[in-house]
């Protein structure tokens, strides 16, 4: 069997009582391709395989009466190494193959990247030239389209201006008709309010005259009071509708006018 460096694994160290252990050193970085590193990792894993190997080594030493001696301890460790070494060698070989594959793939990847960069550069130049030619074509076509659209736009603007002039004239006519209708409605509301107030006064006046139980003096006083109330109401309507701008035909252009007052003499 090939010899393996067992230093640092407890193999070959003196087991004499009182022996001073060597000064602990910082472990080097684990190298998966190194058999010794793989072996040390497997021995320190405390896996089922290592525990079985240790037990078998201890049992063999006990059969020889060496279970409490340094030779017995080394026998147990050697059994562990014998079990772990094939695994460590296999792991190191697989790791080394993986490293070599990674290097090969990395080199191939670099070559492929160089090829892609070259192809990409050529394509970029080709696309740039084609893009410039297409831009020239689009610029020329765009210039022709702009001129055509500009002419059509001018013609459309002339048509819209003509239509707007017609609409403005018709709108002015419709607005004047509407203004006159509003004025007529406002005057009608004013006259309706006056008629309502006067009719109410006439009804009350007729009822008062027909009352035989009231003295002439009381009737006179009540009639005077009714007149004052009517005059106050009529004045209120005059002031109210005088402040309504739609009472005049040109209500949108001039200040509010004063309506003629109405009173009962």
C-alpha atoms as a PDB file:
ATOM      1  CA  UNK A   1       0.000   0.000   0.000  1.00  0.00           C
ATOM      2  CA  UNK A   2       1.321   3.492  -0.818  1.00  0.00           C
ATOM      3  CA  UNK A   3       2.750   5.394   2.102  1.00  0.00           C
ATOM      4  CA  UNK A   4       0.760   8.455   3.289  1.00  0.00           C
ATOM      5  CA  UNK A   5       1.942  11.325   5.435  1.00  0.00           C
ATOM      6  CA  UNK A   6       0.143  10.857   8.756  1.00  0.00           C
ATOM      7  CA  UNK A   7       1.653  13.815  10.590  1.00  0.00           C
ATOM      8  CA  UNK A   8      -0.963  15.913  12.342  1.00  0.00           C
ATOM      9  CA  UNK A   9      -3.361  12.918  12.619  1.00  0.00           C
ATOM     10  CA  UNK A  10      -2.079  11.544  15.946  1.00  0.00           C
ATOM     11  CA  UNK A  11      -0.092   8.757  14.241  1.00  0.00           C
ATOM     12  CA  UNK A  12       3.401   8.152  15.627  1.00  0.00           C
ATOM     13  CA  UNK A  13       3.091  10.605  18.556  1.00  0.00           C
ATOM     14  CA  UNK A  14       4.388   9.451  21.922  1.00  0.00           C
ATOM     15  CA  UNK A  15       1.753   8.350  24.400  1.00  0.00           C
ATOM     16  CA  UNK A  16       4.067   8.491  27.421  1.00  0.00           C
ATOM     17  CA  UNK A  17       2.477  10.146  30.479  1.00  0.00           C
ATOM     18  CA  UNK A  18       3.558  13.704  30.895  1.00  0.00           C
ATOM     19  CA  UNK A  19       4.560  14.178  27.293  1.00  0.00           C
ATOM     20  CA  UNK A  20       4.127  17.792  26.248  1.00  0.00           C
ATOM     21  CA  UNK A  21       1.982  18.335  23.161  1.00  0.00           C
ATOM     22  CA  UNK A  22       3.427  20.327  20.342  1.00  0.00           C
ATOM     23  CA  UNK A  23       2.421  23.976  20.075  1.00  0.00           C
ATOM     24  CA  UNK A  24      -0.857  24.273  18.163  1.00  0.00           C
ATOM     25  CA  UNK A  25      -0.504  25.832  14.729  1.00  0.00           C
ATOM     26  CA  UNK A  26      -3.085  27.370  12.427  1.00  0.00           C
ATOM     27  CA  UNK A  27      -4.308  24.720   9.979  1.00  0.00           C
ATOM     28  CA  UNK A  28      -3.572  25.478   6.329  1.00  0.00           C
ATOM     29  CA  UNK A  29      -6.430  26.029   3.900  1.00  0.00           C
ATOM     30  CA  UNK A  30      -8.159  22.800   2.894  1.00  0.00           C
ATOM     31  CA  UNK A  31      -7.067  21.511  -0.536  1.00  0.00           C
ATOM     32  CA  UNK A  32      -9.681  19.137  -1.951  1.00  0.00           C
ATOM     33  CA  UNK A  33      -7.158  17.743  -4.475  1.00  0.00           C
ATOM     34  CA  UNK A  34      -4.667  16.759  -1.772  1.00  0.00           C
ATOM     35  CA  UNK A  35      -4.955  13.182  -0.430  1.00  0.00           C
ATOM     36  CA  UNK A  36      -3.599  14.145   2.999  1.00  0.00           C
ATOM     37  CA  UNK A  37      -6.185  16.947   3.362  1.00  0.00           C
ATOM     38  CA  UNK A  38      -8.970  14.605   2.280  1.00  0.00           C
ATOM     39  CA  UNK A  39      -7.691  11.891   4.665  1.00  0.00           C
ATOM     40  CA  UNK A  40      -7.514  14.314   7.598  1.00  0.00           C
ATOM     41  CA  UNK A  41     -11.046  15.532   6.865  1.00  0.00           C
ATOM     42  CA  UNK A  42     -12.381  11.972   6.693  1.00  0.00           C
ATOM     43  CA  UNK A  43     -10.610  10.937   9.938  1.00  0.00           C
ATOM     44  CA  UNK A  44     -11.979  13.983  11.774  1.00  0.00           C
ATOM     45  CA  UNK A  45     -15.533  13.534  10.454  1.00  0.00           C
ATOM     46  CA  UNK A  46     -16.529  11.115  13.252  1.00  0.00           C
ATOM     47  CA  UNK A  47     -18.643   9.313  10.698  1.00  0.00           C
ATOM     48  CA  UNK A  48     -20.126   5.868  11.219  1.00  0.00           C
ATOM     49  CA  UNK A  49     -17.350   4.332   9.086  1.00  0.00           C
ATOM     50  CA  UNK A  50     -14.647   5.899  11.286  1.00  0.00           C
ATOM     51  CA  UNK A  51     -16.367   4.855  14.488  1.00  0.00           C
ATOM     52  CA  UNK A  52     -16.652   1.252  13.231  1.00  0.00           C
ATOM     53  CA  UNK A  53     -12.995   1.234  12.112  1.00  0.00           C
ATOM     54  CA  UNK A  54     -11.867   2.588  15.504  1.00  0.00           C
ATOM     55  CA  UNK A  55     -13.903  -0.067  17.311  1.00  0.00           C
ATOM     56  CA  UNK A  56     -12.484  -2.824  15.120  1.00  0.00           C
ATOM     57  CA  UNK A  57      -8.915  -1.626  15.727  1.00  0.00           C
ATOM     58  CA  UNK A  58      -9.491  -1.454  19.458  1.00  0.00           C
ATOM     59  CA  UNK A  59     -11.012  -4.956  19.431  1.00  0.00           C
ATOM     60  CA  UNK A  60      -7.999  -6.340  17.538  1.00  0.00           C
ATOM     61  CA  UNK A  61      -5.606  -4.714  20.028  1.00  0.00           C
ATOM     62  CA  UNK A  62      -7.640  -6.111  22.958  1.00  0.00           C
ATOM     63  CA  UNK A  63      -7.378  -9.613  21.532  1.00  0.00           C
ATOM     64  CA  UNK A  64      -3.589  -9.182  21.604  1.00  0.00           C
ATOM     65  CA  UNK A  65      -3.636  -7.749  25.112  1.00  0.00           C
ATOM     66  CA  UNK A  66      -2.589  -4.287  23.842  1.00  0.00           C
ATOM     67  CA  UNK A  67      -5.767  -2.348  24.480  1.00  0.00           C
ATOM     68  CA  UNK A  68      -4.248  -0.041  27.126  1.00  0.00           C
ATOM     69  CA  UNK A  69      -0.931   0.558  25.395  1.00  0.00           C
ATOM     70  CA  UNK A  70       0.234   3.118  22.845  1.00  0.00           C
ATOM     71  CA  UNK A  71       0.462   0.290  20.317  1.00  0.00           C
ATOM     72  CA  UNK A  72      -3.229  -0.414  20.893  1.00  0.00           C
ATOM     73  CA  UNK A  73      -4.128   3.238  20.291  1.00  0.00           C
ATOM     74  CA  UNK A  74      -2.033   3.301  17.135  1.00  0.00           C
ATOM     75  CA  UNK A  75      -3.695   0.069  15.990  1.00  0.00           C
ATOM     76  CA  UNK A  76      -7.120   1.724  16.269  1.00  0.00           C
ATOM     77  CA  UNK A  77      -5.871   4.788  14.394  1.00  0.00           C
ATOM     78  CA  UNK A  78      -4.273   2.631  11.703  1.00  0.00           C
ATOM     79  CA  UNK A  79      -7.587   0.802  11.205  1.00  0.00           C
ATOM     80  CA  UNK A  80      -9.275   4.176  10.728  1.00  0.00           C
ATOM     81  CA  UNK A  81      -6.612   5.244   8.212  1.00  0.00           C
ATOM     82  CA  UNK A  82      -6.954   1.994   6.286  1.00  0.00           C
ATOM     83  CA  UNK A  83     -10.720   2.620   5.979  1.00  0.00           C
ATOM     84  CA  UNK A  84     -10.444   6.335   5.245  1.00  0.00           C
ATOM     85  CA  UNK A  85      -7.521   6.269   2.794  1.00  0.00           C
ATOM     86  CA  UNK A  86      -9.420   4.803  -0.216  1.00  0.00           C
ATOM     87  CA  UNK A  87     -12.186   7.328   0.313  1.00  0.00           C
ATOM     88  CA  UNK A  88      -9.688  10.187   0.598  1.00  0.00           C
ATOM     89  CA  UNK A  89      -7.846   9.045  -2.541  1.00  0.00           C
ATOM     90  CA  UNK A  90     -11.093   8.800  -4.470  1.00  0.00           C
ATOM     91  CA  UNK A  91     -12.285  12.221  -3.265  1.00  0.00           C
ATOM     92  CA  UNK A  92      -8.931  13.809  -4.120  1.00  0.00           C
ATOM     93  CA  UNK A  93      -8.955  12.208  -7.579  1.00  0.00           C
ATOM     94  CA  UNK A  94     -12.515  13.425  -8.238  1.00  0.00           C
ATOM     95  CA  UNK A  95     -11.641  16.923  -7.007  1.00  0.00           C
ATOM     96  CA  UNK A  96      -8.544  17.002  -9.201  1.00  0.00           C
ATOM     97  CA  UNK A  97     -10.583  15.910 -12.213  1.00  0.00           C
ATOM     98  CA  UNK A  98     -13.148  18.596 -11.417  1.00  0.00           C
ATOM     99  CA  UNK A  99     -10.399  21.242 -11.203  1.00  0.00           C
ATOM    100  CA  UNK A 100      -8.940  20.143 -14.544  1.00  0.00           C
ATOM    101  CA  UNK A 101     -12.391  20.185 -16.108  1.00  0.00           C
ATOM    102  CA  UNK A 102     -13.000  23.667 -14.722  1.00  0.00           C
ATOM    103  CA  UNK A 103      -9.709  24.883 -16.197  1.00  0.00           C
ATOM    104  CA  UNK A 104     -10.511  23.276 -19.555  1.00  0.00           C
ATOM    105  CA  UNK A 105     -14.007  24.749 -19.571  1.00  0.00           C
ATOM    106  CA  UNK A 106     -12.612  28.135 -18.559  1.00  0.00           C
ATOM    107  CA  UNK A 107     -10.106  28.093 -21.437  1.00  0.00           C
ATOM    108  CA  UNK A 108     -12.774  27.013 -23.901  1.00  0.00           C
ATOM    109  CA  UNK A 109     -15.089  29.680 -22.533  1.00  0.00           C
ATOM    110  CA  UNK A 110     -12.406  32.356 -23.042  1.00  0.00           C
ATOM    111  CA  UNK A 111     -11.857  31.223 -26.639  1.00  0.00           C
ATOM    112  CA  UNK A 112     -15.599  31.194 -27.269  1.00  0.00           C
ATOM    113  CA  UNK A 113     -15.877  34.682 -25.779  1.00  0.00           C
ATOM    114  CA  UNK A 114     -13.110  35.929 -28.073  1.00  0.00           C
ATOM    115  CA  UNK A 115     -14.947  34.444 -31.065  1.00  0.00           C
ATOM    116  CA  UNK A 116     -18.210  36.008 -29.943  1.00  0.00           C
ATOM    117  CA  UNK A 117     -16.537  39.374 -29.402  1.00  0.00           C
ATOM    118  CA  UNK A 118     -15.075  39.262 -32.916  1.00  0.00           C
ATOM    119  CA  UNK A 119     -18.379  38.262 -34.478  1.00  0.00           C
ATOM    120  CA  UNK A 120     -20.198  40.864 -32.414  1.00  0.00           C
ATOM    121  CA  UNK A 121     -17.771  43.573 -33.535  1.00  0.00           C
ATOM    122  CA  UNK A 122     -18.286  42.677 -37.196  1.00  0.00           C
ATOM    123  CA  UNK A 123     -22.042  42.567 -36.744  1.00  0.00           C
ATOM    124  CA  UNK A 124     -21.990  45.932 -34.994  1.00  0.00           C
ATOM    125  CA  UNK A 125     -20.136  47.519 -37.884  1.00  0.00           C
ATOM    126  CA  UNK A 126     -22.510  45.951 -40.410  1.00  0.00           C
ATOM    127  CA  UNK A 127     -25.570  47.015 -38.444  1.00  0.00           C
ATOM    128  CA  UNK A 128     -24.146  50.513 -38.001  1.00  0.00           C
ATOM    129  CA  UNK A 129     -23.687  50.940 -41.768  1.00  0.00           C
ATOM    130  CA  UNK A 130     -27.164  49.563 -42.481  1.00  0.00           C
ATOM    131  CA  UNK A 131     -28.600  51.796 -39.775  1.00  0.00           C
ATOM    132  CA  UNK A 132     -26.995  54.880 -41.317  1.00  0.00           C
ATOM    133  CA  UNK A 133     -28.445  54.016 -44.729  1.00  0.00           C
ATOM    134  CA  UNK A 134     -31.876  53.404 -43.199  1.00  0.00           C
ATOM    135  CA  UNK A 135     -31.654  56.705 -41.326  1.00  0.00           C
ATOM    136  CA  UNK A 136     -30.905  58.534 -44.560  1.00  0.00           C
ATOM    137  CA  UNK A 137     -33.927  56.873 -46.183  1.00  0.00           C
ATOM    138  CA  UNK A 138     -36.165  57.725 -43.241  1.00  0.00           C
ATOM    139  CA  UNK A 139     -34.924  61.315 -43.193  1.00  0.00           C
ATOM    140  CA  UNK A 140     -35.742  61.741 -46.863  1.00  0.00           C
ATOM    141  CA  UNK A 141     -39.159  60.127 -46.504  1.00  0.00           C
ATOM    142  CA  UNK A 142     -39.862  62.159 -43.381  1.00  0.00           C
ATOM    143  CA  UNK A 143     -39.021  65.392 -45.202  1.00  0.00           C
ATOM    144  CA  UNK A 144     -41.421  64.539 -48.015  1.00  0.00           C
ATOM    145  CA  UNK A 145     -44.150  63.560 -45.562  1.00  0.00           C
ATOM    146  CA  UNK A 146     -43.655  66.775 -43.571  1.00  0.00           C
ATOM    147  CA  UNK A 147     -44.115  68.873 -46.693  1.00  0.00           C
ATOM    148  CA  UNK A 148     -47.247  66.936 -47.646  1.00  0.00           C
ATOM    149  CA  UNK A 149     -48.692  67.158 -44.151  1.00  0.00           C
ATOM    150  CA  UNK A 150     -47.877  70.866 -43.951  1.00  0.00           C
ATOM    151  CA  UNK A 151     -49.789  71.589 -47.157  1.00  0.00           C
ATOM    152  CA  UNK A 152     -52.746  69.472 -46.035  1.00  0.00           C
ATOM    153  CA  UNK A 153     -52.666  71.175 -42.655  1.00  0.00           C
ATOM    154  CA  UNK A 154     -52.867  74.620 -44.238  1.00  0.00           C
ATOM    155  CA  UNK A 155     -55.839  73.566 -46.336  1.00  0.00           C
ATOM    156  CA  UNK A 156     -57.562  72.056 -43.299  1.00  0.00           C
ATOM    157  CA  UNK A 157     -56.935  75.249 -41.303  1.00  0.00           C
ATOM    158  CA  UNK A 158     -58.569  77.325 -44.034  1.00  0.00           C
ATOM    159  CA  UNK A 159     -61.589  75.022 -43.959  1.00  0.00           C
ATOM    160  CA  UNK A 160     -61.820  75.200 -40.156  1.00  0.00           C
ATOM    161  CA  UNK A 161     -61.542  78.995 -40.190  1.00  0.00           C
ATOM    162  CA  UNK A 162     -64.423  79.178 -42.636  1.00  0.00           C
ATOM    163  CA  UNK A 163     -66.532  76.819 -40.539  1.00  0.00           C
ATOM    164  CA  UNK A 164     -65.717  78.777 -37.365  1.00  0.00           C
ATOM    165  CA  UNK A 165     -66.779  82.040 -38.996  1.00  0.00           C
ATOM    166  CA  UNK A 166     -70.123  80.511 -39.914  1.00  0.00           C
ATOM    167  CA  UNK A 167     -70.548  79.066 -36.423  1.00  0.00           C
ATOM    168  CA  UNK A 168     -69.624  82.404 -34.816  1.00  0.00           C
ATOM    169  CA  UNK A 169     -72.258  84.246 -36.807  1.00  0.00           C
ATOM    170  CA  UNK A 170     -74.916  81.648 -36.056  1.00  0.00           C
ATOM    171  CA  UNK A 171     -73.874  81.628 -32.400  1.00  0.00           C
ATOM    172  CA  UNK A 172     -74.250  85.403 -32.186  1.00  0.00           C
ATOM    173  CA  UNK A 173     -77.768  85.181 -33.624  1.00  0.00           C
ATOM    174  CA  UNK A 174     -78.738  82.385 -31.229  1.00  0.00           C
ATOM    175  CA  UNK A 175     -77.228  84.261 -28.301  1.00  0.00           C
ATOM    176  CA  UNK A 176     -79.222  87.412 -29.113  1.00  0.00           C
ATOM    177  CA  UNK A 177     -82.448  85.402 -29.324  1.00  0.00           C
ATOM    178  CA  UNK A 178     -81.735  83.723 -26.032  1.00  0.00           C
ATOM    179  CA  UNK A 179     -80.909  87.051 -24.363  1.00  0.00           C
ATOM    180  CA  UNK A 180     -84.205  88.547 -25.523  1.00  0.00           C
ATOM    181  CA  UNK A 181     -86.098  85.508 -24.250  1.00  0.00           C
ATOM    182  CA  UNK A 182     -84.401  85.796 -20.860  1.00  0.00           C
ATOM    183  CA  UNK A 183     -85.277  89.482 -20.646  1.00  0.00           C
ATOM    184  CA  UNK A 184     -88.905  88.748 -21.515  1.00  0.00           C
ATOM    185  CA  UNK A 185     -89.054  86.013 -18.873  1.00  0.00           C
ATOM    186  CA  UNK A 186     -87.582  88.314 -16.226  1.00  0.00           C
ATOM    187  CA  UNK A 187     -90.078  91.079 -17.006  1.00  0.00           C
ATOM    188  CA  UNK A 188     -92.847  88.500 -16.927  1.00  0.00           C
ATOM    189  CA  UNK A 189     -91.751  87.342 -13.477  1.00  0.00           C
ATOM    190  CA  UNK A 190     -91.699  90.966 -12.242  1.00  0.00           C
ATOM    191  CA  UNK A 191     -95.193  91.690 -13.575  1.00  0.00           C
ATOM    192  CA  UNK A 192     -96.464  88.375 -12.195  1.00  0.00           C
ATOM    193  CA  UNK A 193     -95.147  89.279  -8.736  1.00  0.00           C
ATOM    194  CA  UNK A 194     -96.873  92.690  -8.904  1.00  0.00           C
ATOM    195  CA  UNK A 195    -100.146  91.135 -10.102  1.00  0.00           C
ATOM    196  CA  UNK A 196    -100.034  88.613  -7.292  1.00  0.00           C
ATOM    197  CA  UNK A 197     -99.478  91.307  -4.662  1.00  0.00           C
ATOM    198  CA  UNK A 198    -102.249  93.568  -6.075  1.00  0.00           C
ATOM    199  CA  UNK A 199    -104.701  90.668  -6.404  1.00  0.00           C
ATOM    200  CA  UNK A 200    -104.061  89.722  -2.790  1.00  0.00           C
ATOM    201  CA  UNK A 201    -104.728  93.309  -1.758  1.00  0.00           C
ATOM    202  CA  UNK A 202    -107.955  93.442  -3.810  1.00  0.00           C
ATOM    203  CA  UNK A 203    -109.246  90.225  -2.277  1.00  0.00           C
ATOM    204  CA  UNK A 204    -108.569  91.456   1.229  1.00  0.00           C
ATOM    205  CA  UNK A 205    -110.051  94.859   0.397  1.00  0.00           C
ATOM    206  CA  UNK A 206    -113.282  93.312  -0.954  1.00  0.00           C
ATOM    207  CA  UNK A 207    -113.600  91.111   2.118  1.00  0.00           C
ATOM    208  CA  UNK A 208    -113.081  94.096   4.372  1.00  0.00           C
ATOM    209  CA  UNK A 209    -115.700  96.246   2.614  1.00  0.00           C
ATOM    210  CA  UNK A 210    -118.205  93.386   2.811  1.00  0.00           C
ATOM    211  CA  UNK A 211    -117.687  93.010   6.568  1.00  0.00           C
ATOM    212  CA  UNK A 212    -120.832  94.542   8.217  1.00  0.00           C
ATOM    213  CA  UNK A 213    -119.618  93.983  11.746  1.00  0.00           C
ATOM    214  CA  UNK A 214    -116.573  96.295  11.484  1.00  0.00           C
ATOM    215  CA  UNK A 215    -116.958 100.021  12.037  1.00  0.00           C
ATOM    216  CA  UNK A 216    -116.089 102.538   9.322  1.00  0.00           C
ATOM    217  CA  UNK A 217    -113.192 103.918  11.362  1.00  0.00           C
ATOM    218  CA  UNK A 218    -111.677 100.451  11.830  1.00  0.00           C
ATOM    219  CA  UNK A 219    -112.103  99.713   8.150  1.00  0.00           C
ATOM    220  CA  UNK A 220    -110.337 102.982   7.240  1.00  0.00           C
ATOM    221  CA  UNK A 221    -107.431 102.201   9.558  1.00  0.00           C
ATOM    222  CA  UNK A 222    -107.131  98.656   8.259  1.00  0.00           C
ATOM    223  CA  UNK A 223    -107.312  99.787   4.627  1.00  0.00           C
ATOM    224  CA  UNK A 224    -104.541 102.318   5.233  1.00  0.00           C
ATOM    225  CA  UNK A 225    -102.446  99.584   6.832  1.00  0.00           C
ATOM    226  CA  UNK A 226    -103.107  97.283   3.851  1.00  0.00           C
ATOM    227  CA  UNK A 227    -102.071 100.065   1.445  1.00  0.00           C
ATOM    228  CA  UNK A 228     -98.820 100.644   3.341  1.00  0.00           C
ATOM    229  CA  UNK A 229     -98.112  96.914   3.293  1.00  0.00           C
ATOM    230  CA  UNK A 230     -98.854  96.713  -0.463  1.00  0.00           C
ATOM    231  CA  UNK A 231     -96.666  99.722  -1.233  1.00  0.00           C
ATOM    232  CA  UNK A 232     -93.841  98.184   0.803  1.00  0.00           C
ATOM    233  CA  UNK A 233     -94.193  94.903  -1.097  1.00  0.00           C
ATOM    234  CA  UNK A 234     -94.273  96.651  -4.477  1.00  0.00           C
ATOM    235  CA  UNK A 235     -91.182  98.678  -3.581  1.00  0.00           C
ATOM    236  CA  UNK A 236     -89.438  95.531  -2.467  1.00  0.00           C
ATOM    237  CA  UNK A 237     -90.201  93.853  -5.841  1.00  0.00           C
ATOM    238  CA  UNK A 238     -88.966  96.966  -7.657  1.00  0.00           C
ATOM    239  CA  UNK A 239     -85.650  96.926  -5.825  1.00  0.00           C
ATOM    240  CA  UNK A 240     -85.319  93.170  -6.148  1.00  0.00           C
ATOM    241  CA  UNK A 241     -85.844  92.957  -9.902  1.00  0.00           C
ATOM    242  CA  UNK A 242     -83.868  96.150 -10.537  1.00  0.00           C
ATOM    243  CA  UNK A 243     -80.827  94.274  -9.250  1.00  0.00           C
ATOM    244  CA  UNK A 244     -81.451  91.356 -11.622  1.00  0.00           C
ATOM    245  CA  UNK A 245     -79.180  91.927 -14.642  1.00  0.00           C
ATOM    246  CA  UNK A 246     -81.460  90.026 -17.035  1.00  0.00           C
ATOM    247  CA  UNK A 247     -84.162  92.660 -16.692  1.00  0.00           C
ATOM    248  CA  UNK A 248     -82.649  94.605 -19.650  1.00  0.00           C
ATOM    249  CA  UNK A 249     -82.031  93.538 -23.276  1.00  0.00           C
ATOM    250  CA  UNK A 250     -78.292  94.314 -23.131  1.00  0.00           C
ATOM    251  CA  UNK A 251     -77.958  92.869 -19.615  1.00  0.00           C
ATOM    252  CA  UNK A 252     -74.516  91.389 -20.385  1.00  0.00           C
ATOM    253  CA  UNK A 253     -72.954  94.778 -21.306  1.00  0.00           C
ATOM    254  CA  UNK A 254     -74.304  97.493 -19.002  1.00  0.00           C
ATOM    255  CA  UNK A 255     -74.919  98.059 -15.270  1.00  0.00           C
ATOM    256  CA  UNK A 256     -78.284  97.234 -13.732  1.00  0.00           C
ATOM    257  CA  UNK A 257     -81.006  99.803 -14.462  1.00  0.00           C
ATOM    258  CA  UNK A 258     -83.745 101.020 -12.116  1.00  0.00           C
ATOM    259  CA  UNK A 259     -87.297  99.860 -12.850  1.00  0.00           C
ATOM    260  CA  UNK A 260     -90.196 102.296 -12.614  1.00  0.00           C
ATOM    261  CA  UNK A 261     -91.804 102.147  -9.190  1.00  0.00           C
ATOM    262  CA  UNK A 262     -95.431 101.184  -8.528  1.00  0.00           C
ATOM    263  CA  UNK A 263     -97.434 102.475  -5.574  1.00  0.00           C
ATOM    264  CA  UNK A 264    -101.065 102.727  -4.479  1.00  0.00           C
ATOM    265  CA  UNK A 265    -102.227 106.318  -3.923  1.00  0.00           C
END
